[in-house]
Amino acid sequence: MSTPEPDRSYRIDATQRALIRPGVDVAALEELLQYFPADSRDSHLAMFQLRTLAADSEGHVPDMTVLTRISDPVMQDLLERARGWRDRPGH
């Protein structure tokens, strides 16, 4: 499977950018998201944003998904850069 063609016109807008967690390499994240289909970018971006998890009336907290591995090496490299994993010992 080859690396998909990125959509270089995609940009994280200012409102979304303001919600990105500290420590995330926004440039690498933006480049990574360019490889995802347009209809899945928001859900992938949400994994890197600050969120308030509130329990519903029954005490359930919504599930949280974290992206840790992508089979494509180009995209995995961008993921590691975006998450700042290269700056941590053992990565």
N, C-alpha and C. Protein backbone atom coordinates (compact mmCIF):
# COMPACT_ATOMS: atom_id res chain seq x y z
N MET A 1 0.85 -1.18 0.00
CA MET A 1 0.00 0.00 0.00
C MET A 1 0.89 1.24 0.00
N SER A 2 0.64 2.15 -0.92
CA SER A 2 1.48 3.34 -1.01
C SER A 2 0.86 4.50 -0.25
N THR A 3 1.69 5.45 0.08
CA THR A 3 1.25 6.66 0.78
C THR A 3 0.25 7.41 -0.09
N PRO A 4 -0.89 7.80 0.48
CA PRO A 4 -1.87 8.55 -0.33
C PRO A 4 -1.32 9.93 -0.69
N GLU A 5 -1.90 10.53 -1.70
CA GLU A 5 -1.53 11.90 -2.08
C GLU A 5 -2.11 12.87 -1.06
N PRO A 6 -1.30 13.77 -0.52
CA PRO A 6 -1.82 14.74 0.44
C PRO A 6 -2.59 15.87 -0.24
N ASP A 7 -3.53 16.43 0.47
CA ASP A 7 -4.26 17.60 0.03
C ASP A 7 -3.58 18.82 0.65
N ARG A 8 -2.62 19.38 -0.06
CA ARG A 8 -1.81 20.48 0.48
C ARG A 8 -2.60 21.76 0.71
N SER A 9 -3.84 21.82 0.23
CA SER A 9 -4.66 23.01 0.46
C SER A 9 -5.30 23.01 1.85
N TYR A 10 -5.29 21.84 2.53
CA TYR A 10 -5.91 21.76 3.86
C TYR A 10 -5.09 22.53 4.88
N ARG A 11 -5.76 23.32 5.69
CA ARG A 11 -5.14 24.06 6.80
C ARG A 11 -6.02 23.94 8.02
N ILE A 12 -5.40 23.88 9.18
CA ILE A 12 -6.15 23.93 10.44
C ILE A 12 -6.49 25.39 10.68
N ASP A 13 -7.79 25.69 10.81
CA ASP A 13 -8.17 27.10 10.97
C ASP A 13 -7.85 27.60 12.38
N ALA A 14 -7.92 28.90 12.55
CA ALA A 14 -7.52 29.54 13.81
C ALA A 14 -8.34 29.05 15.00
N THR A 15 -9.62 28.84 14.81
CA THR A 15 -10.48 28.36 15.91
C THR A 15 -10.06 26.97 16.35
N GLN A 16 -9.83 26.08 15.39
CA GLN A 16 -9.40 24.72 15.72
C GLN A 16 -7.99 24.72 16.30
N ARG A 17 -7.13 25.56 15.76
CA ARG A 17 -5.74 25.65 16.21
C ARG A 17 -5.66 26.06 17.68
N ALA A 18 -6.55 26.95 18.09
CA ALA A 18 -6.56 27.44 19.47
C ALA A 18 -6.88 26.33 20.48
N LEU A 19 -7.50 25.26 20.04
CA LEU A 19 -7.89 24.16 20.92
C LEU A 19 -6.88 23.03 20.98
N ILE A 20 -5.81 23.11 20.20
CA ILE A 20 -4.81 22.04 20.18
C ILE A 20 -4.02 22.03 21.49
N ARG A 21 -3.84 20.83 22.02
CA ARG A 21 -3.14 20.66 23.29
C ARG A 21 -1.71 21.19 23.22
N PRO A 22 -1.21 21.73 24.33
CA PRO A 22 0.19 22.13 24.38
C PRO A 22 1.09 20.94 24.11
N GLY A 23 2.22 21.18 23.44
CA GLY A 23 3.18 20.14 23.15
C GLY A 23 3.00 19.48 21.80
N VAL A 24 1.87 19.75 21.13
CA VAL A 24 1.63 19.19 19.80
C VAL A 24 2.34 20.05 18.77
N ASP A 25 3.06 19.43 17.85
CA ASP A 25 3.69 20.13 16.74
C ASP A 25 2.60 20.37 15.70
N VAL A 26 2.07 21.57 15.68
CA VAL A 26 0.91 21.89 14.84
C VAL A 26 1.25 21.77 13.35
N ALA A 27 2.45 22.14 12.96
CA ALA A 27 2.84 22.03 11.55
C ALA A 27 2.85 20.56 11.11
N ALA A 28 3.40 19.68 11.94
CA ALA A 28 3.42 18.25 11.61
C ALA A 28 2.01 17.68 11.61
N LEU A 29 1.18 18.12 12.56
CA LEU A 29 -0.21 17.65 12.61
C LEU A 29 -0.97 18.09 11.37
N GLU A 30 -0.80 19.33 10.97
CA GLU A 30 -1.48 19.82 9.77
C GLU A 30 -1.05 19.01 8.54
N GLU A 31 0.24 18.74 8.44
CA GLU A 31 0.74 17.96 7.31
C GLU A 31 0.18 16.53 7.35
N LEU A 32 0.12 15.94 8.54
CA LEU A 32 -0.45 14.59 8.68
C LEU A 32 -1.91 14.58 8.24
N LEU A 33 -2.69 15.54 8.68
CA LEU A 33 -4.11 15.58 8.35
C LEU A 33 -4.35 15.77 6.86
N GLN A 34 -3.40 16.31 6.15
CA GLN A 34 -3.52 16.47 4.71
C GLN A 34 -3.60 15.12 3.99
N TYR A 35 -3.12 14.07 4.64
CA TYR A 35 -3.15 12.72 4.05
C TYR A 35 -4.48 12.01 4.28
N PHE A 36 -5.27 12.49 5.23
CA PHE A 36 -6.54 11.84 5.55
C PHE A 36 -7.64 12.35 4.62
N PRO A 37 -8.66 11.52 4.37
CA PRO A 37 -9.80 12.00 3.59
C PRO A 37 -10.47 13.17 4.30
N ALA A 38 -10.99 14.10 3.54
CA ALA A 38 -11.60 15.31 4.11
C ALA A 38 -12.66 14.99 5.16
N ASP A 39 -13.43 13.94 4.94
CA ASP A 39 -14.52 13.64 5.88
C ASP A 39 -14.06 13.02 7.19
N SER A 40 -12.78 12.69 7.32
CA SER A 40 -12.30 12.13 8.59
C SER A 40 -11.32 13.06 9.32
N ARG A 41 -11.00 14.18 8.73
CA ARG A 41 -10.01 15.07 9.36
C ARG A 41 -10.46 15.61 10.71
N ASP A 42 -11.72 16.03 10.82
CA ASP A 42 -12.19 16.60 12.08
C ASP A 42 -12.08 15.60 13.23
N SER A 43 -12.43 14.35 12.97
CA SER A 43 -12.36 13.35 14.05
C SER A 43 -10.90 13.06 14.43
N HIS A 44 -10.00 13.09 13.46
CA HIS A 44 -8.59 12.88 13.77
C HIS A 44 -8.01 14.11 14.48
N LEU A 45 -8.40 15.30 14.05
CA LEU A 45 -7.94 16.52 14.70
C LEU A 45 -8.37 16.55 16.16
N ALA A 46 -9.58 16.10 16.44
CA ALA A 46 -10.11 16.11 17.81
C ALA A 46 -9.23 15.32 18.77
N MET A 47 -8.50 14.34 18.27
CA MET A 47 -7.61 13.55 19.12
C MET A 47 -6.45 14.37 19.67
N PHE A 48 -6.20 15.51 19.07
CA PHE A 48 -5.07 16.36 19.46
C PHE A 48 -5.53 17.65 20.16
N GLN A 49 -6.82 17.77 20.39
CA GLN A 49 -7.36 19.00 20.97
C GLN A 49 -7.74 18.80 22.43
N LEU A 50 -7.75 19.91 23.16
CA LEU A 50 -8.19 19.91 24.54
C LEU A 50 -9.69 19.63 24.57
N ARG A 51 -10.11 18.82 25.50
CA ARG A 51 -11.54 18.54 25.64
C ARG A 51 -11.90 18.43 27.11
N THR A 52 -13.12 18.77 27.38
CA THR A 52 -13.66 18.56 28.71
C THR A 52 -14.55 17.35 28.63
N LEU A 53 -14.21 16.33 29.38
CA LEU A 53 -15.02 15.11 29.38
C LEU A 53 -16.00 15.20 30.54
N ALA A 54 -17.26 15.27 30.21
CA ALA A 54 -18.29 15.36 31.23
C ALA A 54 -19.16 14.12 31.18
N ALA A 55 -19.51 13.62 32.34
CA ALA A 55 -20.38 12.46 32.42
C ALA A 55 -21.81 12.86 32.07
N ASP A 56 -22.52 11.93 31.44
CA ASP A 56 -23.92 12.19 31.13
C ASP A 56 -24.77 11.94 32.38
N SER A 57 -26.08 12.02 32.24
CA SER A 57 -26.97 11.90 33.39
C SER A 57 -26.88 10.53 34.07
N GLU A 58 -26.38 9.54 33.34
CA GLU A 58 -26.22 8.20 33.92
C GLU A 58 -24.80 7.95 34.43
N GLY A 59 -23.95 8.96 34.36
CA GLY A 59 -22.58 8.83 34.85
C GLY A 59 -21.59 8.26 33.87
N HIS A 60 -21.98 8.13 32.60
CA HIS A 60 -21.08 7.61 31.58
C HIS A 60 -20.27 8.74 30.96
N VAL A 61 -18.99 8.50 30.81
CA VAL A 61 -18.10 9.46 30.15
C VAL A 61 -17.89 8.95 28.72
N PRO A 62 -17.93 9.85 27.72
CA PRO A 62 -17.76 9.38 26.35
C PRO A 62 -16.38 8.75 26.12
N ASP A 63 -16.34 7.80 25.18
CA ASP A 63 -15.07 7.17 24.82
C ASP A 63 -14.12 8.20 24.22
N MET A 64 -12.84 7.94 24.41
CA MET A 64 -11.83 8.81 23.84
C MET A 64 -10.89 7.95 23.01
N THR A 65 -10.66 8.35 21.78
CA THR A 65 -9.79 7.60 20.88
C THR A 65 -8.46 8.34 20.76
N VAL A 66 -7.37 7.56 20.74
CA VAL A 66 -6.03 8.12 20.58
C VAL A 66 -5.35 7.40 19.43
N LEU A 67 -4.81 8.17 18.51
CA LEU A 67 -4.10 7.61 17.37
C LEU A 67 -2.64 7.40 17.76
N THR A 68 -2.18 6.14 17.74
CA THR A 68 -0.80 5.85 18.13
C THR A 68 0.01 5.18 17.04
N ARG A 69 -0.65 4.58 16.05
CA ARG A 69 0.08 3.83 15.03
C ARG A 69 -0.62 3.93 13.69
N ILE A 70 0.17 4.21 12.66
CA ILE A 70 -0.31 4.24 11.28
C ILE A 70 0.62 3.33 10.49
N SER A 71 0.07 2.46 9.66
CA SER A 71 0.90 1.49 8.94
C SER A 71 1.79 2.13 7.89
N ASP A 72 1.43 3.30 7.40
CA ASP A 72 2.24 3.98 6.40
C ASP A 72 3.41 4.69 7.10
N PRO A 73 4.66 4.43 6.69
CA PRO A 73 5.81 5.02 7.38
C PRO A 73 5.89 6.54 7.29
N VAL A 74 5.48 7.12 6.19
CA VAL A 74 5.49 8.58 6.05
C VAL A 74 4.52 9.20 7.05
N MET A 75 3.32 8.64 7.10
CA MET A 75 2.30 9.15 8.01
C MET A 75 2.67 8.87 9.47
N GLN A 76 3.30 7.72 9.75
CA GLN A 76 3.73 7.41 11.11
C GLN A 76 4.79 8.41 11.57
N ASP A 77 5.71 8.76 10.68
CA ASP A 77 6.72 9.75 11.02
C ASP A 77 6.07 11.09 11.38
N LEU A 78 5.08 11.50 10.61
CA LEU A 78 4.38 12.75 10.91
C LEU A 78 3.63 12.66 12.24
N LEU A 79 3.03 11.51 12.51
CA LEU A 79 2.33 11.31 13.78
C LEU A 79 3.30 11.45 14.95
N GLU A 80 4.45 10.83 14.83
CA GLU A 80 5.45 10.92 15.91
C GLU A 80 5.93 12.35 16.10
N ARG A 81 6.13 13.07 15.01
CA ARG A 81 6.51 14.48 15.10
C ARG A 81 5.40 15.30 15.74
N ALA A 82 4.16 15.07 15.31
CA ALA A 82 3.04 15.84 15.84
C ALA A 82 2.88 15.61 17.35
N ARG A 83 3.03 14.40 17.78
CA ARG A 83 2.87 14.07 19.20
C ARG A 83 4.09 14.43 20.04
N GLY A 84 5.19 14.80 19.40
CA GLY A 84 6.40 15.13 20.14
C GLY A 84 7.11 13.91 20.69
N TRP A 85 6.84 12.72 20.13
CA TRP A 85 7.44 11.50 20.64
C TRP A 85 8.95 11.48 20.46
N ARG A 86 9.45 12.17 19.48
CA ARG A 86 10.90 12.16 19.26
C ARG A 86 11.65 12.85 20.37
N ASP A 87 10.94 13.72 21.10
CA ASP A 87 11.57 14.46 22.18
C ASP A 87 11.56 13.67 23.49
N ARG A 88 10.94 12.50 23.51
CA ARG A 88 10.83 11.72 24.73
C ARG A 88 11.82 10.56 24.69
N PRO A 89 12.44 10.24 25.82
CA PRO A 89 13.34 9.10 25.87
C PRO A 89 12.62 7.82 25.46
N GLY A 90 13.30 6.97 24.71
CA GLY A 90 12.71 5.70 24.32
C GLY A 90 11.98 5.74 22.99
N HIS A 91 11.95 6.89 22.35
CA HIS A 91 11.27 7.01 21.05
C HIS A 91 12.24 7.50 20.00
